[in-house]
C-alpha cells in the first residue's frame, strides 16, 4: 500500500483511446490538464502518457498496441472520471471555449458540491466539481 503522505496520488484512472494524441490535446486544452509525460512508439502511437490535474493524474495510451491491458480494455465501455477543481464555472467556460460536449452545466448539488459534466471525443465522461471527500487513515479493521 502506498504511503499516505508520500505526496503522490495512489489512484490513477487509466484510459485507452483510438486517437490518444487527440485525447491529450482535448484534455490539456479544454479541461486544463498538464502533460507530465508522453511516450510514443516507433509507429507514432502513444505507448504511455501521464496528465496531471491538481494533485491527481490520469494515465492513457493508444488502443491496439497489444499487451494485457490493451486486451482487457478491448471490449470495455467508456469510463467516468471525477476531478476536483477550485472554480467550476471558470473550468466550464474553458471547456466550452474549446468545444467540449457539455452534458450538464455547472449545477449546485444537494450534498454541497458544484459540478459539471462533459464527454470527451471518445465517449468517456468527465465530471469536474468541488466535492473532495476526506480520506481518513486506512488500517486494518472497520473504518
N, C-alpha and C. Protein backbone atom coordinates (compact mmCIF):
# COMPACT_ATOMS: atom_id res chain seq x y z
N UNK A 1 0.84 -1.18 0.00
CA UNK A 1 0.00 0.00 0.00
C UNK A 1 0.89 1.24 0.00
N UNK A 2 0.52 2.25 -0.77
CA UNK A 2 1.31 3.47 -0.85
C UNK A 2 1.26 4.23 0.47
N UNK A 3 2.35 4.89 0.78
CA UNK A 3 2.39 5.70 1.99
C UNK A 3 1.40 6.83 1.86
N UNK A 4 0.67 7.10 2.96
CA UNK A 4 -0.39 8.10 2.92
C UNK A 4 0.13 9.50 2.60
N UNK A 5 1.27 9.86 3.15
CA UNK A 5 1.79 11.21 2.97
C UNK A 5 2.97 11.25 2.00
N UNK A 6 2.98 10.37 1.01
CA UNK A 6 4.11 10.31 0.08
C UNK A 6 4.11 11.47 -0.91
N UNK A 7 3.01 12.25 -0.99
CA UNK A 7 2.93 13.33 -1.95
C UNK A 7 2.52 12.88 -3.33
N UNK A 8 2.26 11.59 -3.50
CA UNK A 8 1.84 11.05 -4.78
C UNK A 8 0.45 10.46 -4.65
N UNK A 9 -0.40 10.67 -5.66
CA UNK A 9 -1.71 10.01 -5.62
C UNK A 9 -1.53 8.50 -5.61
N UNK A 10 -2.48 7.79 -5.06
CA UNK A 10 -2.39 6.33 -5.05
C UNK A 10 -3.39 5.69 -6.00
N UNK A 11 -4.21 6.51 -6.68
CA UNK A 11 -5.16 6.00 -7.66
C UNK A 11 -4.99 6.80 -8.95
N UNK A 12 -4.81 6.08 -10.07
CA UNK A 12 -4.64 6.71 -11.37
C UNK A 12 -5.62 6.09 -12.37
N UNK A 13 -6.70 6.78 -12.71
CA UNK A 13 -7.54 6.24 -13.79
C UNK A 13 -6.69 6.04 -15.03
N UNK A 14 -6.92 4.94 -15.74
CA UNK A 14 -6.14 4.61 -16.94
C UNK A 14 -7.09 4.36 -18.10
N UNK A 15 -6.89 5.07 -19.20
CA UNK A 15 -7.78 5.03 -20.34
C UNK A 15 -7.01 4.74 -21.61
N UNK A 16 -7.65 4.07 -22.55
CA UNK A 16 -7.08 3.87 -23.87
C UNK A 16 -7.96 4.57 -24.90
N UNK A 17 -7.32 5.19 -25.89
CA UNK A 17 -8.03 5.95 -26.91
C UNK A 17 -7.62 5.48 -28.30
N UNK A 18 -8.57 5.49 -29.24
CA UNK A 18 -8.25 5.23 -30.64
C UNK A 18 -7.30 6.31 -31.17
N UNK A 19 -7.48 7.55 -30.72
CA UNK A 19 -6.60 8.65 -31.10
C UNK A 19 -6.10 9.32 -29.83
N UNK A 20 -5.08 8.74 -29.22
CA UNK A 20 -4.57 9.23 -27.95
C UNK A 20 -4.00 10.65 -28.06
N UNK A 21 -3.41 10.98 -29.20
CA UNK A 21 -2.85 12.33 -29.36
C UNK A 21 -3.97 13.38 -29.34
N UNK A 22 -5.09 13.08 -29.99
CA UNK A 22 -6.23 14.00 -29.96
C UNK A 22 -6.80 14.08 -28.54
N UNK A 23 -6.82 12.97 -27.83
CA UNK A 23 -7.31 12.97 -26.45
C UNK A 23 -6.43 13.85 -25.57
N UNK A 24 -5.12 13.74 -25.74
CA UNK A 24 -4.21 14.57 -24.96
C UNK A 24 -4.44 16.04 -25.25
N UNK A 25 -4.64 16.39 -26.54
CA UNK A 25 -4.94 17.78 -26.91
C UNK A 25 -6.21 18.25 -26.22
N UNK A 26 -7.28 17.44 -26.28
CA UNK A 26 -8.54 17.86 -25.68
C UNK A 26 -8.41 17.98 -24.16
N UNK A 27 -7.78 17.02 -23.52
CA UNK A 27 -7.66 17.06 -22.07
C UNK A 27 -6.82 18.23 -21.60
N UNK A 28 -5.77 18.61 -22.35
CA UNK A 28 -4.95 19.74 -21.94
C UNK A 28 -5.60 21.07 -22.30
N UNK A 29 -6.12 21.18 -23.53
CA UNK A 29 -6.68 22.45 -23.97
C UNK A 29 -8.04 22.74 -23.34
N UNK A 30 -8.96 21.78 -23.39
CA UNK A 30 -10.33 22.03 -22.92
C UNK A 30 -10.49 21.83 -21.43
N UNK A 31 -9.79 20.85 -20.86
CA UNK A 31 -10.01 20.51 -19.46
C UNK A 31 -8.86 20.91 -18.54
N UNK A 32 -7.84 21.55 -19.07
CA UNK A 32 -6.80 22.13 -18.24
C UNK A 32 -5.78 21.17 -17.64
N UNK A 33 -5.68 19.94 -18.17
CA UNK A 33 -4.64 19.03 -17.69
C UNK A 33 -3.28 19.52 -18.16
N UNK A 34 -2.23 19.08 -17.49
CA UNK A 34 -0.86 19.38 -17.87
C UNK A 34 -0.16 18.07 -18.19
N UNK A 35 0.57 18.04 -19.29
CA UNK A 35 1.34 16.84 -19.65
C UNK A 35 2.49 16.68 -18.67
N UNK A 36 2.55 15.52 -18.04
CA UNK A 36 3.69 15.17 -17.20
C UNK A 36 4.68 14.35 -18.01
N UNK A 37 4.15 13.38 -18.78
CA UNK A 37 5.00 12.53 -19.62
C UNK A 37 4.17 12.00 -20.77
N UNK A 38 4.77 11.93 -21.95
CA UNK A 38 4.15 11.31 -23.12
C UNK A 38 5.24 10.52 -23.83
N UNK A 39 5.02 9.20 -23.96
CA UNK A 39 5.97 8.33 -24.63
C UNK A 39 5.30 7.75 -25.87
N UNK A 40 6.00 7.84 -26.99
CA UNK A 40 5.47 7.35 -28.25
C UNK A 40 6.26 6.15 -28.74
N UNK A 41 5.54 5.24 -29.41
CA UNK A 41 6.19 4.11 -30.06
C UNK A 41 6.76 4.54 -31.39
N UNK A 42 7.51 3.66 -32.03
CA UNK A 42 8.11 3.96 -33.33
C UNK A 42 7.05 4.27 -34.39
N UNK A 43 5.84 3.71 -34.21
CA UNK A 43 4.76 3.93 -35.16
C UNK A 43 3.97 5.21 -34.88
N UNK A 44 4.39 5.98 -33.87
CA UNK A 44 3.70 7.23 -33.53
C UNK A 44 2.57 7.06 -32.54
N UNK A 45 2.26 5.82 -32.15
CA UNK A 45 1.22 5.62 -31.15
C UNK A 45 1.72 6.08 -29.79
N UNK A 46 0.79 6.41 -28.91
CA UNK A 46 1.14 6.80 -27.55
C UNK A 46 1.21 5.52 -26.72
N UNK A 47 2.42 5.15 -26.32
CA UNK A 47 2.57 3.94 -25.52
C UNK A 47 2.18 4.19 -24.07
N UNK A 48 2.39 5.42 -23.58
CA UNK A 48 2.02 5.77 -22.22
C UNK A 48 2.07 7.28 -22.08
N UNK A 49 1.06 7.85 -21.41
CA UNK A 49 1.07 9.27 -21.11
C UNK A 49 0.52 9.47 -19.70
N UNK A 50 1.02 10.51 -19.06
CA UNK A 50 0.55 10.89 -17.73
C UNK A 50 0.17 12.36 -17.79
N UNK A 51 -1.07 12.65 -17.43
CA UNK A 51 -1.56 14.02 -17.43
C UNK A 51 -1.99 14.37 -16.01
N UNK A 52 -1.64 15.56 -15.57
CA UNK A 52 -1.88 15.99 -14.19
C UNK A 52 -2.98 17.03 -14.14
N UNK A 53 -3.81 16.94 -13.10
CA UNK A 53 -4.83 17.95 -12.78
C UNK A 53 -4.83 18.06 -11.27
N UNK A 54 -4.47 19.22 -10.75
CA UNK A 54 -4.37 19.38 -9.29
C UNK A 54 -3.34 18.43 -8.74
N UNK A 55 -3.70 17.67 -7.68
CA UNK A 55 -2.76 16.72 -7.10
C UNK A 55 -3.05 15.29 -7.54
N UNK A 56 -3.77 15.15 -8.66
CA UNK A 56 -4.08 13.83 -9.22
C UNK A 56 -3.61 13.73 -10.65
N UNK A 57 -3.73 12.53 -11.19
CA UNK A 57 -3.27 12.31 -12.55
C UNK A 57 -4.06 11.18 -13.20
N UNK A 58 -4.07 11.18 -14.53
CA UNK A 58 -4.61 10.06 -15.30
C UNK A 58 -3.50 9.55 -16.20
N UNK A 59 -3.58 8.26 -16.51
CA UNK A 59 -2.66 7.65 -17.46
C UNK A 59 -3.47 7.27 -18.69
N UNK A 60 -2.88 7.38 -19.85
CA UNK A 60 -3.58 6.99 -21.06
C UNK A 60 -2.62 6.52 -22.11
N UNK A 61 -3.17 5.88 -23.13
CA UNK A 61 -2.36 5.40 -24.24
C UNK A 61 -3.24 5.11 -25.43
N UNK A 62 -2.61 4.65 -26.50
CA UNK A 62 -3.32 4.31 -27.73
C UNK A 62 -3.88 2.89 -27.66
N UNK A 63 -5.09 2.73 -28.17
CA UNK A 63 -5.67 1.39 -28.31
C UNK A 63 -4.93 0.63 -29.40
N UNK A 64 -4.97 -0.70 -29.31
CA UNK A 64 -4.46 -1.54 -30.38
C UNK A 64 -2.97 -1.78 -30.37
N UNK A 65 -2.29 -1.50 -29.28
CA UNK A 65 -0.84 -1.70 -29.22
C UNK A 65 -0.48 -3.11 -28.75
N UNK A 66 -1.47 -3.87 -28.31
CA UNK A 66 -1.20 -5.20 -27.78
C UNK A 66 -0.89 -5.14 -26.29
N UNK A 67 -0.67 -6.27 -25.71
CA UNK A 67 -0.39 -6.34 -24.28
C UNK A 67 -1.64 -6.67 -23.49
N UNK A 68 -1.45 -7.03 -22.25
CA UNK A 68 -2.56 -7.48 -21.41
C UNK A 68 -3.60 -6.40 -21.16
N UNK A 69 -3.16 -5.16 -20.85
CA UNK A 69 -4.12 -4.09 -20.56
C UNK A 69 -4.94 -3.76 -21.80
N UNK A 70 -4.28 -3.68 -22.95
CA UNK A 70 -4.98 -3.40 -24.20
C UNK A 70 -6.02 -4.49 -24.47
N UNK A 71 -5.65 -5.73 -24.27
CA UNK A 71 -6.58 -6.85 -24.48
C UNK A 71 -7.75 -6.77 -23.50
N UNK A 72 -7.47 -6.48 -22.23
CA UNK A 72 -8.53 -6.40 -21.23
C UNK A 72 -9.49 -5.27 -21.52
N UNK A 73 -8.99 -4.17 -22.08
CA UNK A 73 -9.82 -2.99 -22.35
C UNK A 73 -10.54 -3.08 -23.70
N UNK A 74 -10.24 -4.08 -24.50
CA UNK A 74 -10.76 -4.16 -25.86
C UNK A 74 -12.29 -4.03 -25.92
N UNK A 75 -12.99 -4.70 -25.03
CA UNK A 75 -14.45 -4.65 -25.07
C UNK A 75 -15.03 -3.80 -23.94
N UNK A 76 -14.19 -3.05 -23.25
CA UNK A 76 -14.67 -2.19 -22.16
C UNK A 76 -15.39 -0.98 -22.73
N UNK A 77 -16.35 -0.49 -22.00
CA UNK A 77 -17.07 0.71 -22.41
C UNK A 77 -16.33 1.95 -21.96
N UNK A 78 -16.92 3.11 -22.20
CA UNK A 78 -16.31 4.35 -21.73
C UNK A 78 -16.19 4.35 -20.21
N UNK A 79 -15.30 5.16 -19.71
CA UNK A 79 -15.09 5.30 -18.27
C UNK A 79 -15.65 6.64 -17.81
N UNK A 80 -15.87 6.75 -16.52
CA UNK A 80 -16.25 8.00 -15.90
C UNK A 80 -15.20 8.38 -14.88
N UNK A 81 -14.75 9.64 -14.92
CA UNK A 81 -13.70 10.11 -14.02
C UNK A 81 -14.17 11.42 -13.39
N UNK A 82 -13.98 11.56 -12.07
CA UNK A 82 -14.33 12.78 -11.36
C UNK A 82 -13.05 13.50 -10.97
N UNK A 83 -12.98 14.80 -11.26
CA UNK A 83 -11.81 15.62 -10.99
C UNK A 83 -12.24 16.81 -10.14
N UNK A 84 -11.53 17.04 -9.04
CA UNK A 84 -11.82 18.19 -8.18
C UNK A 84 -11.14 19.43 -8.74
N UNK A 85 -11.91 20.50 -8.89
CA UNK A 85 -11.36 21.79 -9.33
C UNK A 85 -11.85 22.88 -8.39
N UNK A 86 -11.08 23.96 -8.29
CA UNK A 86 -11.44 25.04 -7.37
C UNK A 86 -12.57 25.91 -7.90
N UNK A 87 -12.54 26.25 -9.19
CA UNK A 87 -13.52 27.16 -9.77
C UNK A 87 -14.24 26.45 -10.92
N UNK A 88 -15.37 25.85 -10.59
CA UNK A 88 -16.12 25.06 -11.56
C UNK A 88 -16.57 25.91 -12.74
N UNK A 89 -17.03 27.12 -12.48
CA UNK A 89 -17.55 27.95 -13.56
C UNK A 89 -16.46 28.37 -14.54
N UNK A 90 -15.30 28.74 -14.03
CA UNK A 90 -14.18 29.10 -14.91
C UNK A 90 -13.71 27.87 -15.70
N UNK A 91 -13.67 26.73 -15.05
CA UNK A 91 -13.25 25.49 -15.71
C UNK A 91 -14.24 25.15 -16.83
N UNK A 92 -15.52 25.29 -16.54
CA UNK A 92 -16.58 25.03 -17.53
C UNK A 92 -16.44 25.98 -18.72
N UNK A 93 -16.20 27.27 -18.45
CA UNK A 93 -16.04 28.24 -19.55
C UNK A 93 -14.89 27.82 -20.47
N UNK A 94 -13.79 27.39 -19.88
CA UNK A 94 -12.65 26.94 -20.68
C UNK A 94 -13.03 25.75 -21.56
N UNK A 95 -13.73 24.77 -20.98
CA UNK A 95 -14.15 23.59 -21.73
C UNK A 95 -15.06 23.98 -22.90
N UNK A 96 -15.99 24.89 -22.65
CA UNK A 96 -16.91 25.35 -23.70
C UNK A 96 -16.14 26.07 -24.80
N UNK A 97 -15.19 26.92 -24.41
CA UNK A 97 -14.39 27.66 -25.40
C UNK A 97 -13.62 26.72 -26.33
N UNK A 98 -13.29 25.53 -25.84
CA UNK A 98 -12.54 24.57 -26.65
C UNK A 98 -13.45 23.51 -27.27
N UNK A 99 -14.76 23.74 -27.24
CA UNK A 99 -15.68 22.88 -27.95
C UNK A 99 -16.04 21.57 -27.27
N UNK A 100 -15.80 21.44 -25.98
CA UNK A 100 -16.14 20.20 -25.28
C UNK A 100 -17.66 20.00 -25.27
N UNK A 101 -18.09 18.75 -25.38
CA UNK A 101 -19.52 18.42 -25.30
C UNK A 101 -19.93 18.44 -23.83
N UNK A 102 -20.75 19.39 -23.46
CA UNK A 102 -21.20 19.53 -22.08
C UNK A 102 -22.50 18.75 -21.90
N UNK A 103 -22.50 17.85 -20.92
CA UNK A 103 -23.68 17.04 -20.63
C UNK A 103 -24.52 17.64 -19.51
N UNK A 104 -23.89 18.37 -18.62
CA UNK A 104 -24.59 19.05 -17.53
C UNK A 104 -23.81 20.32 -17.22
N UNK A 105 -24.47 21.48 -17.28
CA UNK A 105 -23.77 22.73 -16.96
C UNK A 105 -23.46 22.78 -15.46
N UNK A 106 -22.67 23.75 -15.02
CA UNK A 106 -22.40 23.86 -13.58
C UNK A 106 -23.71 23.89 -12.79
N UNK A 107 -23.79 23.00 -11.83
CA UNK A 107 -25.01 22.81 -11.06
C UNK A 107 -24.66 22.62 -9.59
N UNK A 108 -25.38 23.33 -8.71
CA UNK A 108 -25.21 23.12 -7.27
C UNK A 108 -25.92 21.84 -6.88
N UNK A 109 -25.19 20.95 -6.17
CA UNK A 109 -25.73 19.65 -5.77
C UNK A 109 -26.25 19.72 -4.33
N UNK A 110 -27.17 18.82 -3.99
CA UNK A 110 -27.74 18.76 -2.65
C UNK A 110 -26.67 18.50 -1.58
N UNK A 111 -25.60 17.83 -1.94
CA UNK A 111 -24.56 17.48 -0.97
C UNK A 111 -23.47 18.55 -0.85
N UNK A 112 -23.72 19.73 -1.43
CA UNK A 112 -22.82 20.86 -1.23
C UNK A 112 -21.79 21.09 -2.31
N UNK A 113 -21.73 20.25 -3.31
CA UNK A 113 -20.76 20.42 -4.38
C UNK A 113 -21.35 21.23 -5.52
N UNK A 114 -20.50 21.78 -6.33
CA UNK A 114 -20.90 22.40 -7.60
C UNK A 114 -20.15 21.63 -8.67
N UNK A 115 -20.88 21.06 -9.62
CA UNK A 115 -20.31 20.16 -10.61
C UNK A 115 -20.78 20.51 -12.02
N UNK A 116 -19.99 20.07 -12.99
CA UNK A 116 -20.47 19.99 -14.37
C UNK A 116 -19.93 18.71 -14.97
N UNK A 117 -20.53 18.30 -16.09
CA UNK A 117 -20.17 17.03 -16.71
C UNK A 117 -19.97 17.23 -18.20
N UNK A 118 -18.94 16.55 -18.74
CA UNK A 118 -18.64 16.64 -20.17
C UNK A 118 -18.27 15.26 -20.71
N UNK A 119 -18.39 15.11 -22.02
CA UNK A 119 -17.99 13.87 -22.68
C UNK A 119 -16.80 14.19 -23.57
N UNK A 120 -15.77 13.33 -23.53
CA UNK A 120 -14.63 13.57 -24.42
C UNK A 120 -14.94 12.99 -25.80
N UNK A 121 -14.03 13.17 -26.72
CA UNK A 121 -14.26 12.80 -28.12
C UNK A 121 -14.49 11.31 -28.32
N UNK A 122 -14.10 10.47 -27.33
CA UNK A 122 -14.28 9.02 -27.48
C UNK A 122 -15.29 8.44 -26.50
N UNK A 123 -16.11 9.32 -25.89
CA UNK A 123 -17.23 8.84 -25.09
C UNK A 123 -17.02 8.73 -23.60
N UNK A 124 -15.81 9.00 -23.10
CA UNK A 124 -15.59 8.96 -21.66
C UNK A 124 -16.25 10.16 -21.00
N UNK A 125 -16.76 9.96 -19.80
CA UNK A 125 -17.47 11.02 -19.09
C UNK A 125 -16.53 11.62 -18.04
N UNK A 126 -16.37 12.92 -18.10
CA UNK A 126 -15.52 13.65 -17.16
C UNK A 126 -16.41 14.57 -16.35
N UNK A 127 -16.40 14.40 -15.04
CA UNK A 127 -17.13 15.29 -14.13
C UNK A 127 -16.11 16.13 -13.40
N UNK A 128 -16.38 17.42 -13.29
CA UNK A 128 -15.50 18.35 -12.61
C UNK A 128 -16.32 19.05 -11.54
N UNK A 129 -15.81 19.10 -10.32
CA UNK A 129 -16.58 19.71 -9.25
C UNK A 129 -15.75 20.03 -8.03
N UNK A 130 -16.44 20.52 -7.02
CA UNK A 130 -15.78 20.96 -5.79
C UNK A 130 -15.80 19.90 -4.70
N UNK A 131 -16.53 18.82 -4.89
CA UNK A 131 -16.61 17.78 -3.86
C UNK A 131 -15.29 17.03 -3.77
N UNK A 132 -14.71 17.01 -2.59
CA UNK A 132 -13.45 16.30 -2.35
C UNK A 132 -13.59 15.55 -1.03
N UNK A 133 -13.90 14.26 -1.08
CA UNK A 133 -14.08 13.53 0.16
C UNK A 133 -12.78 13.50 0.97
N UNK A 134 -12.93 13.57 2.27
CA UNK A 134 -11.77 13.45 3.15
C UNK A 134 -11.42 11.99 3.27
N UNK A 135 -10.17 11.67 2.97
CA UNK A 135 -9.70 10.30 3.07
C UNK A 135 -9.07 10.14 4.45
N UNK A 136 -9.68 9.33 5.26
CA UNK A 136 -9.18 9.13 6.62
C UNK A 136 -8.20 7.97 6.63
N UNK A 137 -7.48 7.85 7.72
CA UNK A 137 -6.50 6.79 7.89
C UNK A 137 -7.01 5.44 7.48
N UNK A 138 -6.17 4.68 6.85
CA UNK A 138 -6.54 3.35 6.37
C UNK A 138 -5.70 2.33 7.10
N UNK A 139 -6.32 1.54 7.89
CA UNK A 139 -5.63 0.49 8.60
C UNK A 139 -6.49 -0.74 8.62
N UNK A 140 -6.02 -1.78 9.26
CA UNK A 140 -6.84 -3.00 9.33
C UNK A 140 -8.10 -2.73 10.14
N UNK A 141 -9.14 -3.44 9.80
CA UNK A 141 -10.40 -3.33 10.54
C UNK A 141 -11.32 -2.29 9.96
N UNK A 142 -12.51 -2.15 10.52
CA UNK A 142 -13.50 -1.20 10.01
C UNK A 142 -13.04 0.23 10.16
N UNK A 143 -13.46 1.06 9.24
CA UNK A 143 -13.09 2.48 9.28
C UNK A 143 -13.96 3.23 10.26
